[in-house]
Amino acid sequence: MARSRIVPNRQAIASFLRTPQMHALIERKTRAVAEAAAAVSEAGGQFRVDVETGDRRARGAVIGDYSTHDPEVSRRALLRALDAARAVD
């Protein structure tokens, strides 16, 4: 039996990821994670959001809890908050 081989259409994927709708979705999901992390943080939660949307790519990052010096507190809050992005459309 012959095996099927899936070849991704990289051009189509890249053009899809460059759309304004995708950039907005990335920003909404990133902000949702930051808000959820601040809500569940043991230290009060001051998380920074970094969203970069350019011609070549879009990315979103939630950067650590600035209200604590303990990286474990920040990490736990971020891990708990990841589910928040799933609920955002």
N, C-alpha and C. Protein backbone atom coordinates (compact mmCIF):
# COMPACT_ATOMS: atom_id res chain seq x y z
N MET A 1 0.84 -1.17 0.00
CA MET A 1 0.00 0.00 0.00
C MET A 1 0.89 1.25 0.00
N ALA A 2 0.62 2.15 -0.91
CA ALA A 2 1.40 3.37 -1.03
C ALA A 2 1.05 4.34 0.09
N ARG A 3 2.07 5.03 0.57
CA ARG A 3 1.87 6.02 1.62
C ARG A 3 1.53 7.37 1.01
N SER A 4 0.60 8.05 1.63
CA SER A 4 0.26 9.40 1.18
C SER A 4 1.28 10.38 1.75
N ARG A 5 1.57 11.37 0.99
CA ARG A 5 2.51 12.39 1.46
C ARG A 5 1.82 13.74 1.38
N ILE A 6 1.81 14.43 2.47
CA ILE A 6 1.18 15.76 2.51
C ILE A 6 2.28 16.80 2.36
N VAL A 7 2.10 17.66 1.39
CA VAL A 7 3.05 18.74 1.15
C VAL A 7 2.33 20.05 1.43
N PRO A 8 2.76 20.78 2.47
CA PRO A 8 2.07 22.04 2.78
C PRO A 8 2.33 23.10 1.70
N ASN A 9 1.31 23.88 1.43
CA ASN A 9 1.43 24.98 0.49
C ASN A 9 1.94 26.20 1.27
N ARG A 10 3.24 26.34 1.32
CA ARG A 10 3.87 27.37 2.15
C ARG A 10 3.46 28.79 1.74
N GLN A 11 3.30 29.01 0.47
CA GLN A 11 2.90 30.34 0.01
C GLN A 11 1.51 30.70 0.51
N ALA A 12 0.59 29.77 0.43
CA ALA A 12 -0.77 30.03 0.90
C ALA A 12 -0.81 30.22 2.41
N ILE A 13 -0.03 29.43 3.12
CA ILE A 13 0.03 29.57 4.58
C ILE A 13 0.60 30.93 4.95
N ALA A 14 1.68 31.33 4.30
CA ALA A 14 2.30 32.62 4.59
C ALA A 14 1.36 33.77 4.29
N SER A 15 0.64 33.70 3.18
CA SER A 15 -0.28 34.79 2.85
C SER A 15 -1.43 34.85 3.84
N PHE A 16 -1.90 33.69 4.31
CA PHE A 16 -2.95 33.65 5.33
C PHE A 16 -2.48 34.29 6.63
N LEU A 17 -1.25 34.01 7.02
CA LEU A 17 -0.72 34.54 8.28
C LEU A 17 -0.46 36.04 8.21
N ARG A 18 -0.40 36.60 7.02
CA ARG A 18 -0.16 38.04 6.86
C ARG A 18 -1.44 38.87 6.82
N THR A 19 -2.59 38.25 6.87
CA THR A 19 -3.85 39.00 6.76
C THR A 19 -4.10 39.84 8.01
N PRO A 20 -4.78 40.96 7.87
CA PRO A 20 -5.11 41.80 9.03
C PRO A 20 -5.96 41.06 10.07
N GLN A 21 -6.81 40.15 9.60
CA GLN A 21 -7.64 39.38 10.53
C GLN A 21 -6.78 38.49 11.42
N MET A 22 -5.76 37.88 10.85
CA MET A 22 -4.87 37.02 11.63
C MET A 22 -4.04 37.85 12.61
N HIS A 23 -3.60 39.02 12.18
CA HIS A 23 -2.85 39.90 13.08
C HIS A 23 -3.73 40.30 14.27
N ALA A 24 -4.99 40.62 14.00
CA ALA A 24 -5.91 41.01 15.07
C ALA A 24 -6.16 39.83 16.01
N LEU A 25 -6.29 38.63 15.46
CA LEU A 25 -6.51 37.44 16.29
C LEU A 25 -5.31 37.19 17.20
N ILE A 26 -4.12 37.31 16.68
CA ILE A 26 -2.91 37.12 17.49
C ILE A 26 -2.87 38.14 18.62
N GLU A 27 -3.21 39.39 18.32
CA GLU A 27 -3.21 40.42 19.36
C GLU A 27 -4.28 40.14 20.43
N ARG A 28 -5.48 39.75 20.02
CA ARG A 28 -6.55 39.45 20.99
C ARG A 28 -6.16 38.29 21.90
N LYS A 29 -5.61 37.25 21.33
CA LYS A 29 -5.25 36.08 22.12
C LYS A 29 -4.09 36.40 23.07
N THR A 30 -3.14 37.19 22.63
CA THR A 30 -2.02 37.57 23.48
C THR A 30 -2.50 38.40 24.67
N ARG A 31 -3.37 39.36 24.41
CA ARG A 31 -3.89 40.20 25.49
C ARG A 31 -4.76 39.38 26.45
N ALA A 32 -5.49 38.39 25.95
CA ALA A 32 -6.31 37.54 26.81
C ALA A 32 -5.44 36.74 27.77
N VAL A 33 -4.32 36.24 27.29
CA VAL A 33 -3.40 35.49 28.16
C VAL A 33 -2.83 36.42 29.22
N ALA A 34 -2.44 37.63 28.85
CA ALA A 34 -1.88 38.57 29.82
C ALA A 34 -2.89 38.93 30.90
N GLU A 35 -4.14 39.17 30.50
CA GLU A 35 -5.18 39.51 31.48
C GLU A 35 -5.46 38.33 32.41
N ALA A 36 -5.52 37.14 31.86
CA ALA A 36 -5.77 35.95 32.69
C ALA A 36 -4.60 35.68 33.62
N ALA A 37 -3.39 35.88 33.15
CA ALA A 37 -2.21 35.67 34.00
C ALA A 37 -2.20 36.67 35.16
N ALA A 38 -2.56 37.90 34.88
CA ALA A 38 -2.62 38.91 35.95
C ALA A 38 -3.68 38.54 36.97
N ALA A 39 -4.78 37.96 36.53
CA ALA A 39 -5.87 37.60 37.42
C ALA A 39 -5.50 36.42 38.33
N VAL A 40 -4.72 35.47 37.85
CA VAL A 40 -4.38 34.30 38.66
C VAL A 40 -3.04 34.40 39.35
N SER A 41 -2.29 35.47 39.11
CA SER A 41 -0.96 35.60 39.70
C SER A 41 -1.04 35.77 41.22
N GLU A 42 -0.14 35.09 41.91
CA GLU A 42 -0.07 35.18 43.36
C GLU A 42 0.45 36.54 43.81
N ALA A 43 1.20 37.20 42.96
CA ALA A 43 1.86 38.45 43.33
C ALA A 43 1.13 39.69 42.81
N GLY A 44 -0.04 39.56 42.29
CA GLY A 44 -0.77 40.72 41.78
C GLY A 44 -0.71 40.85 40.28
N GLY A 45 0.35 40.42 39.68
CA GLY A 45 0.46 40.31 38.23
C GLY A 45 0.60 41.59 37.44
N GLN A 46 1.80 41.88 37.02
CA GLN A 46 2.07 42.97 36.09
C GLN A 46 2.80 42.36 34.89
N PHE A 47 2.03 41.94 33.90
CA PHE A 47 2.59 41.29 32.72
C PHE A 47 2.63 42.27 31.57
N ARG A 48 3.68 42.19 30.77
CA ARG A 48 3.83 43.06 29.61
C ARG A 48 3.45 42.28 28.36
N VAL A 49 2.77 42.96 27.45
CA VAL A 49 2.37 42.35 26.18
C VAL A 49 3.22 42.96 25.08
N ASP A 50 3.78 42.10 24.26
CA ASP A 50 4.56 42.54 23.11
C ASP A 50 3.96 41.91 21.86
N VAL A 51 3.34 42.74 21.03
CA VAL A 51 2.75 42.26 19.78
C VAL A 51 3.45 42.96 18.64
N GLU A 52 4.00 42.18 17.73
CA GLU A 52 4.69 42.73 16.57
C GLU A 52 3.98 42.24 15.32
N THR A 53 3.45 43.17 14.56
CA THR A 53 2.83 42.82 13.28
C THR A 53 3.54 43.61 12.20
N GLY A 54 4.18 42.90 11.34
CA GLY A 54 4.91 43.54 10.25
C GLY A 54 4.52 42.93 8.92
N ASP A 55 5.25 43.28 7.90
CA ASP A 55 4.96 42.74 6.56
C ASP A 55 5.29 41.26 6.47
N ARG A 56 6.32 40.83 7.18
CA ARG A 56 6.80 39.46 7.05
C ARG A 56 6.21 38.50 8.07
N ARG A 57 5.79 39.02 9.25
CA ARG A 57 5.28 38.11 10.27
C ARG A 57 4.47 38.85 11.32
N ALA A 58 3.79 38.07 12.11
CA ALA A 58 3.07 38.59 13.27
C ALA A 58 3.37 37.67 14.43
N ARG A 59 3.62 38.27 15.58
CA ARG A 59 3.87 37.45 16.75
C ARG A 59 3.38 38.17 17.98
N GLY A 60 3.03 37.42 18.98
CA GLY A 60 2.59 37.98 20.24
C GLY A 60 3.29 37.28 21.38
N ALA A 61 3.65 38.05 22.39
CA ALA A 61 4.33 37.47 23.55
C ALA A 61 3.83 38.13 24.82
N VAL A 62 3.69 37.34 25.86
CA VAL A 62 3.38 37.85 27.18
C VAL A 62 4.66 37.69 27.98
N ILE A 63 5.13 38.80 28.51
CA ILE A 63 6.43 38.80 29.17
C ILE A 63 6.23 38.92 30.67
N GLY A 64 6.91 38.05 31.39
CA GLY A 64 6.94 37.87 32.83
C GLY A 64 6.19 38.80 33.75
N ASP A 65 6.08 38.41 34.97
CA ASP A 65 5.38 39.14 36.02
C ASP A 65 6.38 40.08 36.67
N TYR A 66 6.20 41.38 36.47
CA TYR A 66 7.11 42.37 37.02
C TYR A 66 6.83 42.71 38.48
N SER A 67 5.78 42.11 39.05
CA SER A 67 5.46 42.39 40.45
C SER A 67 6.16 41.42 41.39
N THR A 68 6.90 40.46 40.85
CA THR A 68 7.61 39.49 41.69
C THR A 68 9.00 39.24 41.13
N HIS A 69 9.89 38.83 42.03
CA HIS A 69 11.25 38.47 41.59
C HIS A 69 11.40 36.96 41.47
N ASP A 70 10.33 36.24 41.78
CA ASP A 70 10.35 34.78 41.72
C ASP A 70 9.86 34.31 40.35
N PRO A 71 10.75 33.76 39.54
CA PRO A 71 10.33 33.33 38.20
C PRO A 71 9.30 32.20 38.22
N GLU A 72 9.28 31.40 39.27
CA GLU A 72 8.30 30.32 39.37
C GLU A 72 6.88 30.84 39.50
N VAL A 73 6.70 31.94 40.23
CA VAL A 73 5.38 32.55 40.38
C VAL A 73 4.89 33.03 39.02
N SER A 74 5.77 33.67 38.28
CA SER A 74 5.44 34.17 36.95
C SER A 74 5.12 33.02 36.00
N ARG A 75 5.93 31.98 36.02
CA ARG A 75 5.73 30.83 35.15
C ARG A 75 4.41 30.13 35.44
N ARG A 76 4.09 29.94 36.73
CA ARG A 76 2.83 29.29 37.08
C ARG A 76 1.63 30.09 36.60
N ALA A 77 1.69 31.40 36.75
CA ALA A 77 0.58 32.25 36.31
C ALA A 77 0.41 32.18 34.80
N LEU A 78 1.51 32.20 34.07
CA LEU A 78 1.43 32.13 32.60
C LEU A 78 0.90 30.77 32.14
N LEU A 79 1.33 29.71 32.78
CA LEU A 79 0.84 28.39 32.40
C LEU A 79 -0.66 28.24 32.67
N ARG A 80 -1.12 28.78 33.79
CA ARG A 80 -2.56 28.71 34.09
C ARG A 80 -3.36 29.56 33.10
N ALA A 81 -2.78 30.62 32.60
CA ALA A 81 -3.49 31.55 31.74
C ALA A 81 -3.55 31.13 30.28
N LEU A 82 -2.80 30.14 29.88
CA LEU A 82 -2.78 29.73 28.48
C LEU A 82 -4.16 29.30 27.98
N ASP A 83 -4.97 28.73 28.82
CA ASP A 83 -6.31 28.32 28.41
C ASP A 83 -7.19 29.52 28.06
N ALA A 84 -6.86 30.69 28.57
CA ALA A 84 -7.66 31.88 28.29
C ALA A 84 -7.66 32.21 26.80
N ALA A 85 -6.57 31.93 26.12
CA ALA A 85 -6.48 32.23 24.70
C ALA A 85 -7.40 31.33 23.88
N ARG A 86 -7.68 30.15 24.37
CA ARG A 86 -8.56 29.24 23.64
C ARG A 86 -9.98 29.77 23.58
N ALA A 87 -10.39 30.48 24.62
CA ALA A 87 -11.77 30.97 24.69
C ALA A 87 -12.01 32.23 23.84
N VAL A 88 -10.93 32.86 23.39
CA VAL A 88 -11.03 34.11 22.63
C VAL A 88 -11.11 33.80 21.15
N ASP A 89 -12.08 34.42 20.49
CA ASP A 89 -12.21 34.26 19.03
C ASP A 89 -11.58 35.40 18.29
